[in-house]
Amino acid sequence: MFEKMWLDNVKTRILQEDGSYKRVDKRGKKRLDAQAHFQTEAEDKRSQQRNEERPMYPLRPLDRNTQ
């Protein structure tokens, strides 16, 4: 998790000695937004969990006479 956060270069600023912030030089680097990465990762994991939790029922035609 921390590795991804350190590699984030989309909105990253670096605190300078004078108290100002400077944007990270992104030239030639693959774009990485850590927050978006973690959100997508969490959504994918939850989707996978839901698929594993869903019981599988055999498909069969409804018998309307037994209701």
N, C-alpha and C. Protein backbone atom coordinates (compact mmCIF):
# COMPACT_ATOMS: atom_id res chain seq x y z
N MET A 1 0.82 -1.18 0.00
CA MET A 1 0.00 0.00 0.00
C MET A 1 0.88 1.26 0.00
N PHE A 2 1.88 1.27 0.87
CA PHE A 2 2.74 2.45 0.94
C PHE A 2 3.53 2.65 -0.34
N GLU A 3 3.92 1.54 -0.98
CA GLU A 3 4.66 1.64 -2.23
C GLU A 3 3.85 2.38 -3.28
N LYS A 4 2.57 2.02 -3.40
CA LYS A 4 1.69 2.70 -4.35
C LYS A 4 1.54 4.18 -3.99
N MET A 5 1.42 4.47 -2.71
CA MET A 5 1.27 5.86 -2.28
C MET A 5 2.52 6.67 -2.63
N TRP A 6 3.69 6.09 -2.45
CA TRP A 6 4.93 6.81 -2.77
C TRP A 6 5.11 6.98 -4.27
N LEU A 7 4.54 6.08 -5.06
CA LEU A 7 4.66 6.16 -6.52
C LEU A 7 3.61 7.07 -7.15
N ASP A 8 2.62 7.49 -6.36
CA ASP A 8 1.56 8.38 -6.86
C ASP A 8 2.21 9.64 -7.43
N ASN A 9 1.84 9.98 -8.67
CA ASN A 9 2.43 11.18 -9.27
C ASN A 9 1.37 12.06 -9.95
N VAL A 10 0.11 11.85 -9.62
CA VAL A 10 -0.95 12.62 -10.27
C VAL A 10 -1.14 13.98 -9.61
N LYS A 11 -1.33 13.99 -8.31
CA LYS A 11 -1.54 15.26 -7.61
C LYS A 11 -0.47 15.50 -6.54
N THR A 12 0.62 14.78 -6.61
CA THR A 12 1.65 14.84 -5.58
C THR A 12 2.37 16.18 -5.58
N ARG A 13 2.59 16.70 -4.41
CA ARG A 13 3.39 17.92 -4.20
C ARG A 13 4.46 17.58 -3.17
N ILE A 14 5.60 18.22 -3.29
CA ILE A 14 6.70 17.99 -2.34
C ILE A 14 6.93 19.28 -1.56
N LEU A 15 6.93 19.15 -0.24
CA LEU A 15 7.15 20.29 0.64
C LEU A 15 8.60 20.76 0.51
N GLN A 16 8.78 22.04 0.24
CA GLN A 16 10.11 22.64 0.11
C GLN A 16 10.55 23.22 1.44
N GLU A 17 11.82 23.54 1.55
CA GLU A 17 12.37 24.09 2.81
C GLU A 17 11.71 25.40 3.21
N ASP A 18 11.28 26.20 2.24
CA ASP A 18 10.65 27.49 2.54
C ASP A 18 9.17 27.37 2.89
N GLY A 19 8.65 26.15 2.93
CA GLY A 19 7.26 25.93 3.29
C GLY A 19 6.32 25.88 2.10
N SER A 20 6.82 26.12 0.92
CA SER A 20 5.98 26.03 -0.27
C SER A 20 5.97 24.59 -0.78
N TYR A 21 5.07 24.33 -1.71
CA TYR A 21 4.96 23.00 -2.30
C TYR A 21 5.29 23.07 -3.78
N LYS A 22 5.96 22.05 -4.27
CA LYS A 22 6.33 21.97 -5.68
C LYS A 22 5.77 20.68 -6.25
N ARG A 23 5.19 20.78 -7.47
CA ARG A 23 4.65 19.58 -8.12
C ARG A 23 5.78 18.62 -8.49
N VAL A 24 5.44 17.34 -8.53
CA VAL A 24 6.39 16.30 -8.91
C VAL A 24 6.57 16.33 -10.43
N ASP A 25 7.80 16.14 -10.88
CA ASP A 25 8.07 16.07 -12.31
C ASP A 25 7.59 14.71 -12.81
N LYS A 26 6.61 14.71 -13.71
CA LYS A 26 6.00 13.47 -14.19
C LYS A 26 6.52 13.05 -15.56
N ARG A 27 7.35 13.84 -16.16
CA ARG A 27 7.80 13.55 -17.53
C ARG A 27 8.43 12.17 -17.62
N GLY A 28 7.94 11.39 -18.57
CA GLY A 28 8.49 10.06 -18.82
C GLY A 28 8.07 8.99 -17.83
N LYS A 29 7.17 9.34 -16.92
CA LYS A 29 6.72 8.37 -15.91
C LYS A 29 5.29 7.94 -16.19
N LYS A 30 5.00 6.69 -15.86
CA LYS A 30 3.64 6.19 -15.99
C LYS A 30 2.77 6.88 -14.95
N ARG A 31 1.62 7.34 -15.38
CA ARG A 31 0.69 8.04 -14.50
C ARG A 31 0.10 7.06 -13.47
N LEU A 32 0.13 7.43 -12.19
CA LEU A 32 -0.43 6.60 -11.13
C LEU A 32 -1.14 7.47 -10.10
N ASP A 33 -2.44 7.28 -9.99
CA ASP A 33 -3.27 7.94 -8.98
C ASP A 33 -3.58 6.89 -7.92
N ALA A 34 -2.92 6.97 -6.78
CA ALA A 34 -3.04 5.94 -5.74
C ALA A 34 -4.49 5.79 -5.26
N GLN A 35 -5.19 6.90 -5.07
CA GLN A 35 -6.56 6.81 -4.58
C GLN A 35 -7.45 6.06 -5.58
N ALA A 36 -7.33 6.38 -6.85
CA ALA A 36 -8.12 5.69 -7.87
C ALA A 36 -7.73 4.22 -7.93
N HIS A 37 -6.44 3.93 -7.79
CA HIS A 37 -5.96 2.54 -7.81
C HIS A 37 -6.59 1.73 -6.66
N PHE A 38 -6.55 2.29 -5.46
CA PHE A 38 -7.10 1.59 -4.29
C PHE A 38 -8.62 1.43 -4.41
N GLN A 39 -9.31 2.43 -4.95
CA GLN A 39 -10.76 2.33 -5.12
C GLN A 39 -11.11 1.21 -6.09
N THR A 40 -10.42 1.17 -7.22
CA THR A 40 -10.67 0.12 -8.21
C THR A 40 -10.35 -1.25 -7.64
N GLU A 41 -9.25 -1.34 -6.91
CA GLU A 41 -8.86 -2.61 -6.29
C GLU A 41 -9.93 -3.09 -5.31
N ALA A 42 -10.46 -2.18 -4.49
CA ALA A 42 -11.49 -2.54 -3.51
C ALA A 42 -12.78 -2.96 -4.20
N GLU A 43 -13.17 -2.23 -5.25
CA GLU A 43 -14.39 -2.58 -5.98
C GLU A 43 -14.26 -3.95 -6.64
N ASP A 44 -13.09 -4.23 -7.22
CA ASP A 44 -12.88 -5.53 -7.85
C ASP A 44 -12.94 -6.66 -6.83
N LYS A 45 -12.34 -6.43 -5.66
CA LYS A 45 -12.34 -7.46 -4.63
C LYS A 45 -13.76 -7.71 -4.11
N ARG A 46 -14.53 -6.64 -3.92
CA ARG A 46 -15.90 -6.80 -3.43
C ARG A 46 -16.76 -7.51 -4.47
N SER A 47 -16.56 -7.18 -5.72
CA SER A 47 -17.31 -7.85 -6.78
C SER A 47 -17.00 -9.34 -6.80
N GLN A 48 -15.74 -9.67 -6.62
CA GLN A 48 -15.33 -11.08 -6.58
C GLN A 48 -15.95 -11.78 -5.38
N GLN A 49 -15.98 -11.11 -4.22
CA GLN A 49 -16.57 -11.70 -3.02
C GLN A 49 -18.06 -11.95 -3.22
N ARG A 50 -18.74 -11.00 -3.86
CA ARG A 50 -20.18 -11.17 -4.09
C ARG A 50 -20.44 -12.35 -5.00
N ASN A 51 -19.60 -12.55 -6.00
CA ASN A 51 -19.77 -13.68 -6.90
C ASN A 51 -19.55 -15.00 -6.18
N GLU A 52 -18.62 -15.03 -5.23
CA GLU A 52 -18.35 -16.24 -4.47
C GLU A 52 -19.46 -16.53 -3.46
N GLU A 53 -20.12 -15.49 -2.95
CA GLU A 53 -21.19 -15.65 -1.96
C GLU A 53 -22.51 -16.06 -2.59
N ARG A 54 -22.70 -15.76 -3.86
CA ARG A 54 -23.97 -16.00 -4.54
C ARG A 54 -24.20 -17.50 -4.71
N PRO A 55 -25.26 -18.03 -4.14
CA PRO A 55 -25.53 -19.47 -4.31
C PRO A 55 -25.96 -19.77 -5.74
N MET A 56 -25.61 -20.91 -6.19
CA MET A 56 -25.98 -21.33 -7.53
C MET A 56 -27.21 -22.24 -7.44
N TYR A 57 -28.29 -21.85 -8.07
CA TYR A 57 -29.51 -22.64 -8.10
C TYR A 57 -29.69 -23.19 -9.52
N PRO A 58 -30.15 -24.41 -9.64
CA PRO A 58 -30.40 -24.93 -10.98
C PRO A 58 -31.57 -24.21 -11.62
N LEU A 59 -31.45 -23.92 -12.88
CA LEU A 59 -32.54 -23.26 -13.60
C LEU A 59 -33.59 -24.30 -13.97
N ARG A 60 -34.83 -23.98 -13.70
CA ARG A 60 -35.91 -24.88 -14.06
C ARG A 60 -37.15 -24.03 -14.34
N PRO A 61 -38.01 -24.53 -15.17
CA PRO A 61 -39.22 -23.75 -15.49
C PRO A 61 -40.14 -23.67 -14.28
N LEU A 62 -40.82 -22.56 -14.15
CA LEU A 62 -41.79 -22.38 -13.06
C LEU A 62 -43.03 -23.22 -13.36
N ASP A 63 -43.48 -23.96 -12.36
CA ASP A 63 -44.73 -24.69 -12.49
C ASP A 63 -45.82 -23.83 -11.86
N ARG A 64 -46.58 -23.18 -12.65
CA ARG A 64 -47.57 -22.23 -12.15
C ARG A 64 -48.71 -22.92 -11.39
N ASN A 65 -48.89 -24.22 -11.55
CA ASN A 65 -49.98 -24.95 -10.89
C ASN A 65 -49.67 -25.26 -9.43
N THR A 66 -48.40 -25.17 -9.01
CA THR A 66 -48.04 -25.55 -7.65
C THR A 66 -47.95 -24.35 -6.72
N GLN A 67 -48.25 -23.17 -7.19
CA GLN A 67 -48.11 -21.98 -6.34
C GLN A 67 -49.26 -21.80 -5.43
